[in-house]
Protein backbone atom coordinates (compact mmCIF):
# COMPACT_ATOMS: atom_id res chain seq x y z
CA UNK A 1 95.00 78.48 97.52
CA UNK A 2 98.64 77.45 97.40
CA UNK A 3 100.85 79.63 99.59
CA UNK A 4 104.17 80.74 98.14
CA UNK A 5 107.07 81.50 100.48
CA UNK A 6 108.24 85.09 100.75
CA UNK A 7 111.42 86.68 102.09
CA UNK A 8 111.26 90.17 103.58
CA UNK A 9 114.39 92.32 103.30
CA UNK A 10 114.26 95.08 105.88
CA UNK A 11 112.27 95.04 109.11
CA UNK A 12 112.00 98.81 109.49
CA UNK A 13 109.04 101.12 109.01
CA UNK A 14 107.89 99.81 105.64
CA UNK A 15 108.84 96.22 106.42
CA UNK A 16 106.51 96.44 109.41
CA UNK A 17 103.69 97.26 106.96
CA UNK A 18 104.41 94.96 104.03
CA UNK A 19 105.68 91.98 106.02
CA UNK A 20 102.45 91.46 108.01
CA UNK A 21 100.30 92.09 104.94
CA UNK A 22 102.18 89.34 103.08
CA UNK A 23 102.14 87.00 106.07
CA UNK A 24 98.37 87.35 106.45
CA UNK A 25 97.66 86.91 102.73
CA UNK A 26 96.09 83.53 101.84
CA UNK A 27 98.43 83.11 98.87
CA UNK A 28 101.70 84.04 100.56
CA UNK A 29 103.70 82.85 103.56
CA UNK A 30 106.42 84.88 105.28
CA UNK A 31 109.37 82.48 105.57
CA UNK A 32 112.42 84.69 106.13
CA UNK A 33 113.12 88.14 107.53
CA UNK A 34 116.47 89.65 106.56
CA UNK A 35 117.81 92.62 108.52
CA UNK A 36 121.40 93.46 109.54
CA UNK A 37 120.33 94.94 112.89
CA UNK A 38 120.46 92.40 115.70
CA UNK A 39 117.00 91.69 116.97
CA UNK A 40 115.16 93.82 114.40
CA UNK A 41 113.75 90.78 112.61
CA UNK A 42 112.64 88.91 115.71
CA UNK A 43 109.27 90.58 116.41
CA UNK A 44 108.05 89.69 112.91
CA UNK A 45 109.57 86.22 113.13
CA UNK A 46 107.92 85.54 116.49
CA UNK A 47 104.57 86.86 115.31
CA UNK A 48 104.40 84.93 112.03
CA UNK A 49 106.67 81.93 112.52
CA UNK A 50 109.32 83.21 110.12
CA UNK A 51 113.09 82.73 110.41
CA UNK A 52 115.71 85.45 110.70
CA UNK A 53 118.21 84.80 107.92
CA UNK A 54 120.99 86.28 105.85
CA UNK A 55 120.24 87.56 102.37
CA UNK A 56 122.27 84.76 100.78
CA UNK A 57 120.35 82.08 102.65
CA UNK A 58 116.96 83.55 101.77
CA UNK A 59 117.75 83.96 98.07
CA UNK A 60 119.34 80.51 97.81
CA UNK A 61 116.18 78.78 99.04
CA UNK A 62 114.40 77.37 95.96
CA UNK A 63 111.13 77.39 97.89
CA UNK A 64 111.15 81.17 98.13
CA UNK A 65 109.18 82.51 95.20
CA UNK A 66 109.02 86.18 96.09
CA UNK A 67 110.96 88.91 97.87
CA UNK A 68 109.78 92.14 99.49
CA UNK A 69 112.53 94.78 99.33
CA UNK A 70 111.94 97.18 102.23
CA UNK A 71 115.55 97.92 103.10
CA UNK A 72 117.10 101.38 103.32
CA UNK A 73 116.65 103.42 100.17
CA UNK A 74 120.31 103.22 99.18
CA UNK A 75 120.02 99.41 99.15
CA UNK A 76 116.79 99.04 97.14
CA UNK A 77 118.48 98.57 93.77
CA UNK A 78 121.17 96.20 95.08
CA UNK A 79 118.65 93.98 96.84
CA UNK A 80 116.06 94.06 94.05
CA UNK A 81 118.70 93.13 91.50
CA UNK A 82 119.97 90.23 93.62
CA UNK A 83 116.43 88.91 94.02
CA UNK A 84 115.61 89.24 90.32
CA UNK A 85 118.82 87.44 89.35
CA UNK A 86 117.89 84.67 91.81
CA UNK A 87 114.68 84.18 89.82
CA UNK A 88 112.31 85.62 92.42
CA UNK A 89 109.30 87.85 91.92
CA UNK A 90 110.13 91.20 93.53
CA UNK A 91 108.17 93.90 95.27
CA UNK A 92 110.39 96.95 95.86
CA UNK A 93 109.65 100.03 97.89
CA UNK A 94 110.10 103.34 96.09
CA UNK A 95 112.34 104.82 94.82
CA UNK A 96 114.39 102.16 93.06
CA UNK A 97 117.49 104.16 93.97
CA UNK A 98 118.46 107.78 94.61
CA UNK A 99 120.95 107.76 91.71
CA UNK A 100 119.17 107.98 88.36
CA UNK A 101 122.26 106.88 86.43
CA UNK A 102 122.50 103.66 88.43
CA UNK A 103 118.83 102.96 87.74
CA UNK A 104 119.29 103.57 84.01
CA UNK A 105 122.38 101.38 83.84
CA UNK A 106 120.58 98.47 85.52
CA UNK A 107 117.44 98.71 83.38
CA UNK A 108 118.28 95.88 80.98
CA UNK A 109 118.87 93.49 83.88
CA UNK A 110 115.21 93.86 84.87
CA UNK A 111 113.85 93.03 81.41
CA UNK A 112 111.23 90.30 81.78
CA UNK A 113 111.39 90.38 85.59
CA UNK A 114 108.30 90.07 87.74
CA UNK A 115 108.95 93.41 89.40
CA UNK A 116 106.37 95.57 91.19
CA UNK A 117 107.38 99.02 92.41
CA UNK A 118 105.79 100.38 95.59
CA UNK A 119 103.83 103.40 94.41
CA UNK A 120 100.97 102.49 96.71
CA UNK A 121 98.68 105.41 95.88
CA UNK A 122 97.70 103.83 92.59
CA UNK A 123 96.07 101.11 94.72
CA UNK A 124 94.09 103.42 97.00
CA UNK A 125 90.37 102.61 96.52
CA UNK A 126 89.28 106.27 96.28
CA UNK A 127 92.07 107.21 93.89
CA UNK A 128 91.39 104.17 91.72
CA UNK A 129 87.69 105.06 91.58
CA UNK A 130 88.60 108.59 90.51
CA UNK A 131 90.92 107.23 87.82
CA UNK A 132 88.20 104.90 86.50
CA UNK A 133 85.68 107.73 86.26
CA UNK A 134 88.26 109.98 84.65
CA UNK A 135 89.01 107.34 82.01
CA UNK A 136 85.29 106.74 81.44
CA UNK A 137 84.97 110.37 80.34
CA UNK A 138 81.78 111.18 82.22
CA UNK A 139 83.10 114.62 83.15
CA UNK A 140 84.71 115.18 79.77
CA UNK A 141 88.36 115.59 78.95
CA UNK A 142 90.86 116.19 81.76
CA UNK A 143 92.29 119.70 81.60
CA UNK A 144 93.99 120.44 84.93
CA UNK A 145 94.91 118.44 88.00
CA UNK A 146 95.57 119.49 91.61
CA UNK A 147 97.37 117.13 93.99
CA UNK A 148 97.75 117.89 97.70
CA UNK A 149 100.27 115.90 99.75
CA UNK A 150 100.90 117.41 103.19
CA UNK A 151 102.58 115.51 106.00
CA UNK A 152 101.23 116.16 109.50
CA UNK A 153 104.65 117.00 110.97
CA UNK A 154 108.26 117.29 109.89
CA UNK A 155 110.50 114.21 110.11
CA UNK A 156 113.40 114.15 112.57
CA UNK A 157 116.47 115.90 111.11
CA UNK A 158 118.42 112.65 111.12
CA UNK A 159 116.05 111.30 108.47
CA UNK A 160 116.85 113.99 105.93
CA UNK A 161 120.47 113.20 104.86
CA UNK A 162 119.69 109.63 103.77
CA UNK A 163 116.13 110.18 102.50
CA UNK A 164 116.91 111.65 99.11
CA UNK A 165 115.32 114.95 100.06
CA UNK A 166 111.79 116.23 99.61
CA UNK A 167 111.53 115.47 95.91
CA UNK A 168 112.92 111.92 95.78
CA UNK A 169 111.43 110.81 99.09
CA UNK A 170 108.10 112.64 99.20
CA UNK A 171 107.06 114.41 95.99
CA UNK A 172 107.98 111.31 93.98
CA UNK A 173 104.64 109.77 95.03
CA UNK A 174 102.81 112.75 93.52
CA UNK A 175 104.91 112.67 90.37
CA UNK A 176 103.91 109.06 89.78
CA UNK A 177 100.28 109.85 90.60
CA UNK A 178 100.36 112.75 88.14
CA UNK A 179 101.70 110.58 85.32
CA UNK A 180 99.02 107.97 86.02
CA UNK A 181 96.15 110.43 86.11
CA UNK A 182 97.28 112.74 83.30
CA UNK A 183 97.60 109.81 80.91
CA UNK A 184 100.61 111.41 79.23
CA UNK A 185 104.13 112.35 80.21
CA UNK A 186 104.96 115.80 81.58
CA UNK A 187 107.30 117.64 79.23
CA UNK A 188 107.93 120.71 81.41
CA UNK A 189 108.56 120.99 85.15
CA UNK A 190 108.73 124.14 87.24
CA UNK A 191 109.25 124.03 91.02
CA UNK A 192 109.39 126.72 93.68
CA UNK A 193 110.29 125.69 97.22
CA UNK A 194 111.27 127.03 100.62
CA UNK A 195 112.24 125.91 104.08
CA UNK A 196 109.35 127.19 106.20
CA UNK A 197 108.78 124.35 108.67
CA UNK A 198 112.10 123.47 110.29
CA UNK A 199 115.29 125.54 109.86
CA UNK A 200 117.35 122.40 110.51
CA UNK A 201 116.01 120.91 107.26
CA UNK A 202 117.37 123.96 105.45
CA UNK A 203 120.73 123.60 107.16
CA UNK A 204 120.81 120.04 105.83
CA UNK A 205 120.44 121.47 102.29
CA UNK A 206 116.82 120.39 101.81
CA UNK A 207 113.44 122.12 101.56
CA UNK A 208 110.19 121.32 103.32
CA UNK A 209 107.56 123.25 101.36
CA UNK A 210 107.12 123.16 97.58
CA UNK A 211 104.79 123.86 94.69
CA UNK A 212 105.43 122.11 91.38
CA UNK A 213 103.78 122.77 88.04
CA UNK A 214 103.82 120.03 85.40
CA UNK A 215 102.66 120.52 81.83
CA UNK A 216 102.16 117.97 79.06
CA UNK A 217 102.54 118.22 75.30
CA UNK A 218 98.77 118.56 74.90
CA UNK A 219 98.69 121.43 77.40
CA UNK A 220 97.31 119.67 80.46
CA UNK A 221 98.52 121.17 83.72
CA UNK A 222 99.12 119.64 87.15
CA UNK A 223 99.89 121.54 90.34
CA UNK A 224 101.45 119.59 93.22
CA UNK A 225 101.30 121.06 96.73
CA UNK A 226 103.76 119.66 99.28
CA UNK A 227 104.65 120.48 102.86
CA UNK A 228 106.34 118.54 105.63
CA UNK A 229 103.90 120.01 108.22
CA UNK A 230 100.20 120.57 107.82
CA UNK A 231 99.46 120.94 111.53
CA UNK A 232 96.04 119.30 111.06
CA UNK A 233 96.67 115.72 109.93
CA UNK A 234 97.74 113.81 106.84
CA UNK A 235 96.22 115.84 103.99
CA UNK A 236 95.80 113.78 100.81
CA UNK A 237 93.52 115.16 98.10
CA UNK A 238 93.02 115.02 94.35
CA UNK A 239 90.99 117.44 92.23
CA UNK A 240 90.63 116.75 88.52
CA UNK A 241 89.08 119.59 86.50
CA UNK A 242 87.57 118.44 83.23
CA UNK A 243 85.71 119.92 80.27
CA UNK A 244 82.28 118.99 81.67
CA UNK A 245 82.85 118.97 85.41
CA UNK A 246 85.31 117.88 88.05
CA UNK A 247 86.27 114.82 90.09
CA UNK A 248 87.48 115.03 93.66
CA UNK A 249 88.90 112.50 96.12
CA UNK A 250 88.94 114.02 99.57
CA UNK A 251 90.54 113.24 102.89
CA UNK A 252 89.60 110.25 105.02
CA UNK A 253 88.31 111.12 108.50
CA UNK A 254 88.40 109.10 111.69
CA UNK A 255 84.67 108.51 111.37
CA UNK A 256 81.75 109.77 109.31
CA UNK A 257 79.83 111.47 112.14
CA UNK A 258 79.25 115.19 111.72
CA UNK A 259 77.79 117.34 114.50
CA UNK A 260 75.71 120.34 113.42
CA UNK A 261 74.48 123.01 115.82
CA UNK A 262 73.13 126.55 115.28
CA UNK A 263 76.65 127.87 115.85
CA UNK A 264 78.93 125.43 114.05
CA UNK A 265 79.45 122.07 112.42
CA UNK A 266 82.23 119.70 113.41
CA UNK A 267 83.60 116.44 112.07
CA UNK A 268 86.25 113.96 113.12
CA UNK A 269 89.85 114.85 112.33
CA UNK A 270 91.47 113.52 109.19
CA UNK A 271 93.69 110.51 109.67
CA UNK A 272 97.04 111.31 111.32
CA UNK A 273 99.57 109.57 109.08
CA UNK A 274 100.32 107.40 106.07
CA UNK A 275 99.98 103.96 107.75
CA UNK A 276 96.37 104.71 108.63
CA UNK A 277 95.44 106.66 105.50
CA UNK A 278 96.85 104.12 103.06
CA UNK A 279 96.13 100.92 105.00
CA UNK A 280 93.72 99.66 102.33
CA UNK A 281 96.10 100.70 99.53
CA UNK A 282 98.97 98.72 101.07
CA UNK A 283 96.76 95.65 101.38
CA UNK A 284 95.51 95.99 97.80
CA UNK A 285 99.11 96.36 96.63
CA UNK A 286 100.08 93.07 98.28
CA UNK A 287 96.94 91.45 96.83
CA UNK A 288 98.16 92.48 93.40
CA UNK A 289 101.69 91.30 94.14
CA UNK A 290 100.31 87.91 95.15
CA UNK A 291 98.58 87.73 91.77
CA UNK A 292 101.91 88.55 90.10
CA UNK A 293 103.70 85.88 92.15
CA UNK A 294 101.07 83.28 91.24
CA UNK A 295 101.23 84.21 87.56
CA UNK A 296 97.72 85.62 87.42
CA UNK A 297 98.71 89.21 86.61
CA UNK A 298 101.42 91.41 85.17
CA UNK A 299 102.81 94.16 87.45
CA UNK A 300 100.73 97.33 87.20
CA UNK A 301 103.68 99.52 88.24
CA UNK A 302 107.09 98.57 86.89
CA UNK A 303 110.71 99.56 86.51
CA UNK A 304 109.97 102.06 83.75
CA UNK A 305 107.57 103.89 86.05
CA UNK A 306 110.34 104.15 88.63
CA UNK A 307 112.67 105.68 86.05
CA UNK A 308 110.06 108.21 84.91
CA UNK A 309 109.23 109.34 88.45
CA UNK A 310 112.91 109.66 89.37
CA UNK A 311 113.57 111.72 86.23
CA UNK A 312 110.77 114.09 87.22
CA UNK A 313 112.10 114.31 90.79
CA UNK A 314 115.49 115.31 89.43
CA UNK A 315 113.79 117.85 87.16
CA UNK A 316 112.16 119.37 90.26
CA UNK A 317 115.56 119.70 91.91
CA UNK A 318 117.06 121.22 88.76
CA UNK A 319 114.19 123.69 88.41
CA UNK A 320 114.58 124.82 92.02
CA UNK A 321 118.33 125.14 91.59
CA UNK A 322 118.15 127.16 88.36
CA UNK A 323 114.89 129.04 88.87
CA UNK A 324 113.74 127.93 85.42
CA UNK A 325 111.40 125.38 83.90
CA UNK A 326 113.07 122.07 83.03
CA UNK A 327 112.36 119.58 80.27
CA UNK A 328 112.81 116.13 81.90
């Protein structure tokens, strides 16, 4: 298989996931790593034979066919737009931007672009299997949906001011998942939230615990449960209640061994964090992006999905602020 050169923008937490996955893919080759922090790019460059470069140099190289945008959230839109206008296929971490108006204003400039947005949960093998069975109709028509997304522990306070807050940083994954599974757009959003985990998060004008209710025009309901601290691992579950049964995707444990005695039964703990839990999803996402880069597929998650999820995240914020249900 021909390998197409890729530039990675951002060597931080998500760059450390997507960069290696691209470098190890048989259809891609990591050529450049772009990061403004001195030395941040070097570990990836040393490991995969890439070159630390400026953004201008990477985008000007005609041999670069694709770009992975893993920079800070406030730079996603700027970097994705520069890469699209340079004629590159683009993978962009979510969200596209924290400012919905900027995203809406830039929409036309992404028309026809090979643009894949990083809502990785659509690529999780268990979640995809649930979606396929839901669409097949074996359990009847979907009526209600329950999504659980609980982080194992709160982030450091310094993360909060630039993250976009709980809804744009965290719940936005669930909002996209809800749209995908419901098969229709939510028309009503109601959110209740508190700061129960870390008082410092509250002092930074954010919340860390939330329940969101989405409803669609046909009456389907979705409840989203979020917390920044489970205390027991990275809790990721889906329950889909249908007219003739239910579908459930449960947590992934460290192993499948269960010990049963007359007094109790025990199993391995659930996985501790998102890199472990969604390892296969991240790899499948890059597999799909490689197909997009090679012209074998159209992006399964695009710019319009980013707009829709961001609109719902803003509706969550508005509902919490006003204490009322919001029509996004």
